[in-house]
Each structure stands twice: as structure tokens, then as C-alpha cells.
Amino acid sequence: MKDRIRQIMESQNMTQKTFSEFIGKSQGTISSIFTGRTRATLDIIEAIKQKFPQLSTEWLIFGTGEMYAQNLTDGTVSEDGSTSTPSEPLLNFDVTEAEKPISENSKKTLQHQHDELVKILDKPARKIKEIRVFYDDQTWETFVPQKN
């Protein structure tokens, strides 16, 4: 995610300081994301989305799709310089899994999981050949299951 945040900053010709001030977060918070000490929180994502509503939420969070969302209404600029689109929520947690569009990366991941499951199911059942029990007096016993 830090690479995507850096990409946003570069596209807006902002330094870490101006970016952090613009989204209303401390410069230390942004700096710790870039150094890898912390990860971007939902609070940071919401702050970025509030100031840059034209950004695709899926791209910002997961890195999939285009950087800018399609079919957004024009954002309005308020007196403090922030933009907003009242018709689109910042993050919509009410969307069920069935309603979400599946990205190409998700499709590939699902296909890989399916393939792995098929491989596991295609393996013949393993059978125990023998069991050995080792005792602290340096002796052991071997048990061999009876053939059916």
C-alpha cells in the first residue's frame, strides 16, 4: 500500500509533509508507513479517500484495477480545498460478497485454491505401516496394524 500512497503523492506533486497535512494525519504516521514500521490503517485509507474521492477504493486497498474510479460524478471542492462526492460513500461495508465484482486477481486466487483442493482430493488415502514408541530406558516397541 505504501507504493500506492507514494504514487498518489507523486501524481499530486506532494511531499510527505504536505500530503500528511492535506489528509489531516501526522507526518510521523505517513513516515512510519513508508519505512515499514506500521501498515496503513482504515483511518488513513478513509482520510485519503475523503480528500481524493476519484481514487478507486479497490486500487487503494488491494492494488487491483485502475487508480481512478470510473463513472464518478464530479467532486465538489470545499473552502478548505478538500473534495467530496456526496453520492458515493467512502467505504461501503454493506456490500455482500455475492454483490462484489470479482477481479482478475481474485479469480486466479480462487482457481489456484480450487486446483490445490482437487490435488488433495485426488491423492490416495494414506495407510499406517507401523508405529514405534520409544521409552526413556532406551527401549522401544513397534506396532504393525493387521492387514484386513
N, C-alpha and C. Protein backbone atom coordinates (compact mmCIF):
# COMPACT_ATOMS: atom_id res chain seq x y z
N MET A 1 0.82 -1.18 0.00
CA MET A 1 0.00 0.00 0.00
C MET A 1 0.87 1.26 0.00
N LYS A 2 2.05 1.16 0.62
CA LYS A 2 2.90 2.36 0.67
C LYS A 2 3.29 2.82 -0.73
N ASP A 3 3.45 1.89 -1.66
CA ASP A 3 3.77 2.27 -3.04
C ASP A 3 2.61 3.02 -3.69
N ARG A 4 1.39 2.61 -3.37
CA ARG A 4 0.22 3.30 -3.93
C ARG A 4 0.06 4.68 -3.32
N ILE A 5 0.34 4.81 -2.02
CA ILE A 5 0.29 6.13 -1.39
C ILE A 5 1.35 7.03 -2.00
N ARG A 6 2.53 6.46 -2.21
CA ARG A 6 3.61 7.24 -2.83
C ARG A 6 3.21 7.67 -4.25
N GLN A 7 2.53 6.79 -4.97
CA GLN A 7 2.07 7.11 -6.32
C GLN A 7 1.06 8.26 -6.29
N ILE A 8 0.18 8.26 -5.30
CA ILE A 8 -0.79 9.37 -5.15
C ILE A 8 -0.03 10.67 -4.89
N MET A 9 0.94 10.61 -3.97
CA MET A 9 1.72 11.81 -3.64
C MET A 9 2.44 12.35 -4.87
N GLU A 10 3.05 11.46 -5.64
CA GLU A 10 3.78 11.89 -6.83
C GLU A 10 2.85 12.47 -7.88
N SER A 11 1.65 11.88 -8.01
CA SER A 11 0.71 12.39 -9.01
C SER A 11 0.20 13.79 -8.63
N GLN A 12 0.24 14.11 -7.34
CA GLN A 12 -0.21 15.41 -6.86
C GLN A 12 0.96 16.34 -6.55
N ASN A 13 2.19 15.90 -6.86
CA ASN A 13 3.41 16.68 -6.58
C ASN A 13 3.47 17.11 -5.12
N MET A 14 3.26 16.15 -4.21
CA MET A 14 3.26 16.44 -2.78
C MET A 14 4.43 15.74 -2.10
N THR A 15 4.94 16.40 -1.07
CA THR A 15 5.94 15.77 -0.20
C THR A 15 5.18 15.02 0.88
N GLN A 16 5.91 14.25 1.69
CA GLN A 16 5.26 13.56 2.80
C GLN A 16 4.59 14.57 3.73
N LYS A 17 5.25 15.67 3.96
CA LYS A 17 4.72 16.69 4.87
C LYS A 17 3.42 17.29 4.32
N THR A 18 3.43 17.72 3.06
CA THR A 18 2.22 18.34 2.51
C THR A 18 1.09 17.32 2.39
N PHE A 19 1.44 16.09 2.05
CA PHE A 19 0.42 15.04 1.94
C PHE A 19 -0.21 14.77 3.30
N SER A 20 0.61 14.61 4.33
CA SER A 20 0.09 14.33 5.66
C SER A 20 -0.78 15.47 6.16
N GLU A 21 -0.37 16.71 5.91
CA GLU A 21 -1.18 17.86 6.31
C GLU A 21 -2.49 17.89 5.53
N PHE A 22 -2.43 17.56 4.24
CA PHE A 22 -3.61 17.61 3.39
C PHE A 22 -4.67 16.60 3.84
N ILE A 23 -4.23 15.38 4.20
CA ILE A 23 -5.21 14.37 4.63
C ILE A 23 -5.51 14.46 6.12
N GLY A 24 -4.81 15.34 6.83
CA GLY A 24 -5.10 15.55 8.24
C GLY A 24 -4.50 14.52 9.17
N LYS A 25 -3.40 13.94 8.79
CA LYS A 25 -2.71 12.96 9.63
C LYS A 25 -1.29 13.46 9.91
N SER A 26 -0.67 12.90 10.93
CA SER A 26 0.66 13.37 11.30
C SER A 26 1.70 12.88 10.28
N GLN A 27 2.75 13.66 10.17
CA GLN A 27 3.83 13.29 9.24
C GLN A 27 4.50 12.01 9.71
N GLY A 28 4.58 11.80 11.03
CA GLY A 28 5.17 10.58 11.58
C GLY A 28 4.39 9.34 11.18
N THR A 29 3.07 9.46 11.13
CA THR A 29 2.23 8.33 10.72
C THR A 29 2.53 7.93 9.29
N ILE A 30 2.60 8.91 8.41
CA ILE A 30 2.90 8.63 7.00
C ILE A 30 4.32 8.10 6.86
N SER A 31 5.24 8.69 7.59
CA SER A 31 6.63 8.25 7.54
C SER A 31 6.77 6.81 8.00
N SER A 32 6.06 6.43 9.06
CA SER A 32 6.17 5.05 9.56
C SER A 32 5.58 4.04 8.57
N ILE A 33 4.61 4.46 7.76
CA ILE A 33 4.07 3.59 6.72
C ILE A 33 5.15 3.36 5.65
N PHE A 34 5.84 4.45 5.27
CA PHE A 34 6.86 4.33 4.23
C PHE A 34 8.08 3.55 4.69
N THR A 35 8.42 3.62 5.97
CA THR A 35 9.58 2.87 6.46
C THR A 35 9.24 1.43 6.77
N GLY A 36 7.93 1.10 6.79
CA GLY A 36 7.52 -0.27 7.05
C GLY A 36 7.30 -0.58 8.52
N ARG A 37 7.41 0.40 9.40
CA ARG A 37 7.17 0.15 10.83
C ARG A 37 5.71 -0.17 11.09
N THR A 38 4.82 0.49 10.35
CA THR A 38 3.38 0.23 10.51
C THR A 38 2.74 0.09 9.15
N ARG A 39 1.54 -0.42 9.15
CA ARG A 39 0.75 -0.52 7.92
C ARG A 39 -0.32 0.55 7.93
N ALA A 40 -0.81 0.88 6.76
CA ALA A 40 -1.87 1.87 6.67
C ALA A 40 -3.13 1.31 7.32
N THR A 41 -3.76 2.12 8.16
CA THR A 41 -4.97 1.70 8.85
C THR A 41 -6.20 2.14 8.05
N LEU A 42 -7.34 1.66 8.47
CA LEU A 42 -8.59 2.07 7.84
C LEU A 42 -8.79 3.57 7.97
N ASP A 43 -8.34 4.13 9.08
CA ASP A 43 -8.44 5.57 9.30
C ASP A 43 -7.65 6.34 8.23
N ILE A 44 -6.46 5.88 7.90
CA ILE A 44 -5.64 6.52 6.87
C ILE A 44 -6.32 6.37 5.51
N ILE A 45 -6.83 5.18 5.22
CA ILE A 45 -7.49 4.94 3.93
C ILE A 45 -8.70 5.86 3.78
N GLU A 46 -9.49 5.99 4.84
CA GLU A 46 -10.66 6.86 4.78
C GLU A 46 -10.26 8.32 4.59
N ALA A 47 -9.17 8.74 5.25
CA ALA A 47 -8.70 10.12 5.10
C ALA A 47 -8.25 10.38 3.66
N ILE A 48 -7.55 9.42 3.07
CA ILE A 48 -7.11 9.56 1.68
C ILE A 48 -8.32 9.59 0.75
N LYS A 49 -9.26 8.67 0.97
CA LYS A 49 -10.45 8.61 0.12
C LYS A 49 -11.29 9.87 0.23
N GLN A 50 -11.33 10.48 1.41
CA GLN A 50 -12.10 11.70 1.60
C GLN A 50 -11.49 12.85 0.80
N LYS A 51 -10.18 12.92 0.76
CA LYS A 51 -9.51 14.00 0.04
C LYS A 51 -9.36 13.70 -1.45
N PHE A 52 -9.34 12.42 -1.80
CA PHE A 52 -9.19 12.02 -3.20
C PHE A 52 -10.31 11.05 -3.57
N PRO A 53 -11.55 11.53 -3.66
CA PRO A 53 -12.67 10.62 -3.91
C PRO A 53 -12.62 9.98 -5.30
N GLN A 54 -11.85 10.55 -6.21
CA GLN A 54 -11.76 9.98 -7.55
C GLN A 54 -10.91 8.70 -7.57
N LEU A 55 -10.18 8.42 -6.49
CA LEU A 55 -9.38 7.20 -6.42
C LEU A 55 -10.28 5.99 -6.28
N SER A 56 -9.88 4.92 -6.90
CA SER A 56 -10.60 3.66 -6.76
C SER A 56 -10.24 3.05 -5.41
N THR A 57 -11.26 2.72 -4.63
CA THR A 57 -11.04 2.12 -3.31
C THR A 57 -10.36 0.77 -3.46
N GLU A 58 -10.77 -0.01 -4.45
CA GLU A 58 -10.17 -1.32 -4.68
C GLU A 58 -8.68 -1.19 -5.01
N TRP A 59 -8.35 -0.19 -5.81
CA TRP A 59 -6.95 0.03 -6.15
C TRP A 59 -6.18 0.46 -4.91
N LEU A 60 -6.75 1.37 -4.13
CA LEU A 60 -6.06 1.89 -2.96
C LEU A 60 -5.79 0.79 -1.94
N ILE A 61 -6.78 -0.05 -1.68
CA ILE A 61 -6.62 -1.07 -0.65
C ILE A 61 -5.88 -2.31 -1.16
N PHE A 62 -6.29 -2.81 -2.34
CA PHE A 62 -5.76 -4.09 -2.82
C PHE A 62 -4.76 -3.97 -3.96
N GLY A 63 -4.70 -2.81 -4.61
CA GLY A 63 -3.79 -2.65 -5.73
C GLY A 63 -4.31 -3.25 -7.02
N THR A 64 -5.61 -3.52 -7.09
CA THR A 64 -6.18 -4.10 -8.31
C THR A 64 -7.01 -3.06 -9.03
N GLY A 65 -7.10 -3.21 -10.31
CA GLY A 65 -7.89 -2.28 -11.11
C GLY A 65 -7.13 -1.00 -11.42
N GLU A 66 -7.87 -0.02 -11.86
CA GLU A 66 -7.30 1.27 -12.22
C GLU A 66 -7.16 2.17 -11.00
N MET A 67 -6.24 3.12 -11.06
CA MET A 67 -6.02 4.04 -9.96
C MET A 67 -7.25 4.91 -9.72
N TYR A 68 -7.86 5.36 -10.80
CA TYR A 68 -9.01 6.25 -10.67
C TYR A 68 -10.28 5.48 -10.99
N ALA A 69 -11.30 5.67 -10.16
CA ALA A 69 -12.58 5.00 -10.35
C ALA A 69 -13.27 5.58 -11.57
N GLN A 70 -14.03 4.75 -12.24
CA GLN A 70 -14.78 5.18 -13.41
C GLN A 70 -16.18 5.60 -13.00
N ASN A 71 -16.82 6.42 -13.83
CA ASN A 71 -18.22 6.81 -13.66
C ASN A 71 -18.52 7.51 -12.34
N LEU A 72 -17.57 8.30 -11.85
CA LEU A 72 -17.84 9.10 -10.66
C LEU A 72 -18.39 10.44 -11.08
N THR A 73 -19.28 10.99 -10.27
CA THR A 73 -19.74 12.34 -10.54
C THR A 73 -18.63 13.29 -10.17
N ASP A 74 -18.64 14.47 -10.74
CA ASP A 74 -17.59 15.43 -10.43
C ASP A 74 -17.64 15.79 -8.97
N GLY A 75 -16.46 15.80 -8.34
CA GLY A 75 -16.38 16.15 -6.93
C GLY A 75 -16.50 17.65 -6.76
N THR A 76 -17.03 18.05 -5.64
CA THR A 76 -17.12 19.47 -5.34
C THR A 76 -15.99 19.83 -4.41
N VAL A 77 -15.42 21.01 -4.60
CA VAL A 77 -14.30 21.45 -3.79
C VAL A 77 -14.83 22.40 -2.73
N SER A 78 -14.54 22.11 -1.47
CA SER A 78 -14.99 22.97 -0.38
C SER A 78 -13.99 24.08 -0.14
N GLU A 79 -14.30 24.97 0.80
CA GLU A 79 -13.44 26.11 1.07
C GLU A 79 -12.06 25.70 1.57
N ASP A 80 -11.96 24.57 2.27
CA ASP A 80 -10.66 24.14 2.79
C ASP A 80 -9.83 23.38 1.75
N GLY A 81 -10.33 23.25 0.53
CA GLY A 81 -9.58 22.60 -0.54
C GLY A 81 -9.87 21.13 -0.69
N SER A 82 -10.70 20.57 0.20
CA SER A 82 -10.99 19.14 0.08
C SER A 82 -12.10 18.93 -0.93
N THR A 83 -12.10 17.74 -1.49
CA THR A 83 -13.14 17.40 -2.46
C THR A 83 -14.04 16.34 -1.87
N SER A 84 -15.25 16.28 -2.34
CA SER A 84 -16.16 15.25 -1.86
C SER A 84 -17.16 14.91 -2.95
N THR A 85 -17.64 13.69 -2.91
CA THR A 85 -18.72 13.28 -3.80
C THR A 85 -19.81 12.74 -2.92
N PRO A 86 -20.87 13.50 -2.71
CA PRO A 86 -21.91 13.07 -1.79
C PRO A 86 -22.64 11.82 -2.23
N SER A 87 -22.59 11.48 -3.50
CA SER A 87 -23.34 10.32 -3.98
C SER A 87 -22.63 9.01 -3.71
N GLU A 88 -21.34 9.03 -3.40
CA GLU A 88 -20.59 7.80 -3.18
C GLU A 88 -20.08 7.74 -1.75
N PRO A 89 -20.36 6.67 -1.01
CA PRO A 89 -19.82 6.55 0.34
C PRO A 89 -18.33 6.32 0.28
N LEU A 90 -17.62 6.69 1.37
CA LEU A 90 -16.18 6.49 1.40
C LEU A 90 -15.84 5.01 1.28
N LEU A 91 -16.36 4.21 2.17
CA LEU A 91 -16.17 2.77 2.12
C LEU A 91 -17.52 2.13 2.42
N ASN A 92 -17.95 1.22 1.60
CA ASN A 92 -19.25 0.61 1.79
C ASN A 92 -19.06 -0.80 2.32
N PHE A 93 -19.33 -0.99 3.61
CA PHE A 93 -19.19 -2.31 4.22
C PHE A 93 -20.49 -3.10 4.16
N ASP A 94 -21.54 -2.53 3.58
CA ASP A 94 -22.82 -3.20 3.50
C ASP A 94 -22.93 -4.12 2.29
N VAL A 95 -21.95 -4.09 1.40
CA VAL A 95 -21.99 -4.90 0.19
C VAL A 95 -21.70 -6.34 0.58
N THR A 96 -22.57 -7.23 0.17
CA THR A 96 -22.35 -8.64 0.46
C THR A 96 -21.34 -9.21 -0.53
N GLU A 97 -20.79 -10.35 -0.19
CA GLU A 97 -19.80 -10.98 -1.06
C GLU A 97 -20.38 -11.29 -2.44
N ALA A 98 -21.66 -11.66 -2.49
CA ALA A 98 -22.28 -12.02 -3.77
C ALA A 98 -22.43 -10.81 -4.68
N GLU A 99 -22.50 -9.60 -4.09
CA GLU A 99 -22.69 -8.39 -4.89
C GLU A 99 -21.38 -7.82 -5.41
N LYS A 100 -20.24 -8.22 -4.82
CA LYS A 100 -18.95 -7.66 -5.21
C LYS A 100 -18.52 -8.22 -6.56
N PRO A 101 -18.01 -7.36 -7.44
CA PRO A 101 -17.45 -7.88 -8.68
C PRO A 101 -16.14 -8.59 -8.37
N ILE A 102 -15.87 -9.67 -9.08
CA ILE A 102 -14.65 -10.44 -8.83
C ILE A 102 -13.57 -9.95 -9.77
N SER A 103 -12.44 -9.53 -9.20
CA SER A 103 -11.34 -9.05 -10.00
C SER A 103 -10.58 -10.23 -10.60
N GLU A 104 -9.72 -9.93 -11.57
CA GLU A 104 -8.93 -10.99 -12.21
C GLU A 104 -8.02 -11.67 -11.20
N ASN A 105 -7.41 -10.89 -10.29
CA ASN A 105 -6.53 -11.49 -9.28
C ASN A 105 -7.32 -12.43 -8.37
N SER A 106 -8.55 -12.04 -8.01
CA SER A 106 -9.38 -12.89 -7.17
C SER A 106 -9.74 -14.17 -7.90
N LYS A 107 -10.03 -14.06 -9.20
CA LYS A 107 -10.36 -15.24 -9.99
C LYS A 107 -9.18 -16.21 -10.03
N LYS A 108 -7.98 -15.66 -10.21
CA LYS A 108 -6.78 -16.50 -10.26
C LYS A 108 -6.55 -17.18 -8.91
N THR A 109 -6.76 -16.43 -7.81
CA THR A 109 -6.58 -16.99 -6.48
C THR A 109 -7.59 -18.10 -6.23
N LEU A 110 -8.84 -17.87 -6.60
CA LEU A 110 -9.87 -18.89 -6.43
C LEU A 110 -9.56 -20.14 -7.26
N GLN A 111 -9.09 -19.94 -8.49
CA GLN A 111 -8.74 -21.07 -9.35
C GLN A 111 -7.59 -21.86 -8.75
N HIS A 112 -6.59 -21.16 -8.19
CA HIS A 112 -5.45 -21.82 -7.57
C HIS A 112 -5.91 -22.64 -6.36
N GLN A 113 -6.80 -22.05 -5.52
CA GLN A 113 -7.32 -22.77 -4.36
C GLN A 113 -8.09 -24.00 -4.81
N HIS A 114 -8.87 -23.86 -5.88
CA HIS A 114 -9.63 -25.00 -6.41
C HIS A 114 -8.69 -26.09 -6.89
N ASP A 115 -7.65 -25.70 -7.62
CA ASP A 115 -6.69 -26.68 -8.13
C ASP A 115 -6.00 -27.42 -6.98
N GLU A 116 -5.63 -26.68 -5.92
CA GLU A 116 -4.98 -27.31 -4.77
C GLU A 116 -5.92 -28.30 -4.10
N LEU A 117 -7.20 -27.94 -3.97
CA LEU A 117 -8.18 -28.82 -3.35
C LEU A 117 -8.35 -30.08 -4.18
N VAL A 118 -8.39 -29.95 -5.49
CA VAL A 118 -8.51 -31.12 -6.36
C VAL A 118 -7.30 -32.02 -6.18
N LYS A 119 -6.11 -31.46 -6.09
CA LYS A 119 -4.91 -32.26 -5.90
C LYS A 119 -4.98 -33.04 -4.59
N ILE A 120 -5.46 -32.38 -3.55
CA ILE A 120 -5.56 -33.04 -2.24
C ILE A 120 -6.57 -34.17 -2.30
N LEU A 121 -7.71 -33.94 -2.93
CA LEU A 121 -8.74 -34.97 -3.00
C LEU A 121 -8.34 -36.13 -3.90
N ASP A 122 -7.49 -35.89 -4.89
CA ASP A 122 -7.08 -36.94 -5.82
C ASP A 122 -6.03 -37.87 -5.23
N LYS A 123 -5.41 -37.50 -4.13
CA LYS A 123 -4.39 -38.35 -3.53
C LYS A 123 -5.05 -39.55 -2.87
N PRO A 124 -4.43 -40.73 -2.99
CA PRO A 124 -5.00 -41.90 -2.31
C PRO A 124 -4.83 -41.74 -0.79
N ALA A 125 -5.73 -42.36 -0.04
CA ALA A 125 -5.66 -42.28 1.41
C ALA A 125 -4.37 -42.92 1.90
N ARG A 126 -3.73 -42.28 2.85
CA ARG A 126 -2.50 -42.84 3.41
C ARG A 126 -2.84 -43.91 4.43
N LYS A 127 -1.96 -44.90 4.54
CA LYS A 127 -2.17 -46.00 5.47
C LYS A 127 -0.97 -46.09 6.41
N ILE A 128 -1.25 -46.45 7.65
CA ILE A 128 -0.20 -46.58 8.65
C ILE A 128 0.49 -47.93 8.44
N LYS A 129 1.83 -47.89 8.33
CA LYS A 129 2.59 -49.12 8.16
C LYS A 129 3.08 -49.67 9.50
N GLU A 130 3.56 -48.74 10.36
CA GLU A 130 3.99 -49.18 11.68
C GLU A 130 4.06 -47.98 12.61
N ILE A 131 3.98 -48.26 13.90
CA ILE A 131 4.07 -47.23 14.92
C ILE A 131 5.17 -47.65 15.88
N ARG A 132 6.08 -46.75 16.17
CA ARG A 132 7.17 -47.05 17.11
C ARG A 132 7.04 -46.13 18.32
N VAL A 133 7.18 -46.73 19.49
CA VAL A 133 7.14 -45.99 20.74
C VAL A 133 8.50 -46.14 21.39
N PHE A 134 9.16 -45.03 21.68
CA PHE A 134 10.47 -45.03 22.31
C PHE A 134 10.31 -44.68 23.80
N TYR A 135 10.95 -45.46 24.65
CA TYR A 135 10.88 -45.24 26.09
C TYR A 135 12.18 -44.63 26.59
N ASP A 136 12.11 -44.04 27.80
CA ASP A 136 13.29 -43.36 28.34
C ASP A 136 14.38 -44.32 28.80
N ASP A 137 14.11 -45.61 28.86
CA ASP A 137 15.14 -46.58 29.22
C ASP A 137 15.85 -47.15 27.98
N GLN A 138 15.75 -46.41 26.88
CA GLN A 138 16.40 -46.74 25.62
C GLN A 138 15.82 -47.98 24.92
N THR A 139 14.60 -48.35 25.24
CA THR A 139 13.93 -49.45 24.57
C THR A 139 12.80 -48.87 23.73
N TRP A 140 12.28 -49.73 22.84
CA TRP A 140 11.14 -49.30 22.02
C TRP A 140 10.30 -50.51 21.66
N GLU A 141 9.10 -50.19 21.23
CA GLU A 141 8.19 -51.22 20.74
C GLU A 141 7.69 -50.78 19.38
N THR A 142 7.46 -51.75 18.53
CA THR A 142 6.93 -51.49 17.21
C THR A 142 5.58 -52.17 17.09
N PHE A 143 4.61 -51.41 16.64
CA PHE A 143 3.27 -51.95 16.41
C PHE A 143 2.99 -51.89 14.92
N VAL A 144 2.52 -53.01 14.37
CA VAL A 144 2.17 -53.08 12.97
C VAL A 144 0.68 -53.43 12.88
N PRO A 145 -0.09 -52.58 12.19
CA PRO A 145 -1.53 -52.87 12.10
C PRO A 145 -1.76 -54.17 11.31
N GLN A 146 -2.83 -54.83 11.67
CA GLN A 146 -3.17 -56.08 10.99
C GLN A 146 -3.72 -55.76 9.62
N LYS A 147 -3.39 -56.60 8.67
CA LYS A 147 -3.90 -56.44 7.31
C LYS A 147 -5.34 -56.92 7.28
N ASN A 148 -6.21 -56.17 6.62
CA ASN A 148 -7.62 -56.57 6.50
C ASN A 148 -7.88 -57.22 5.18
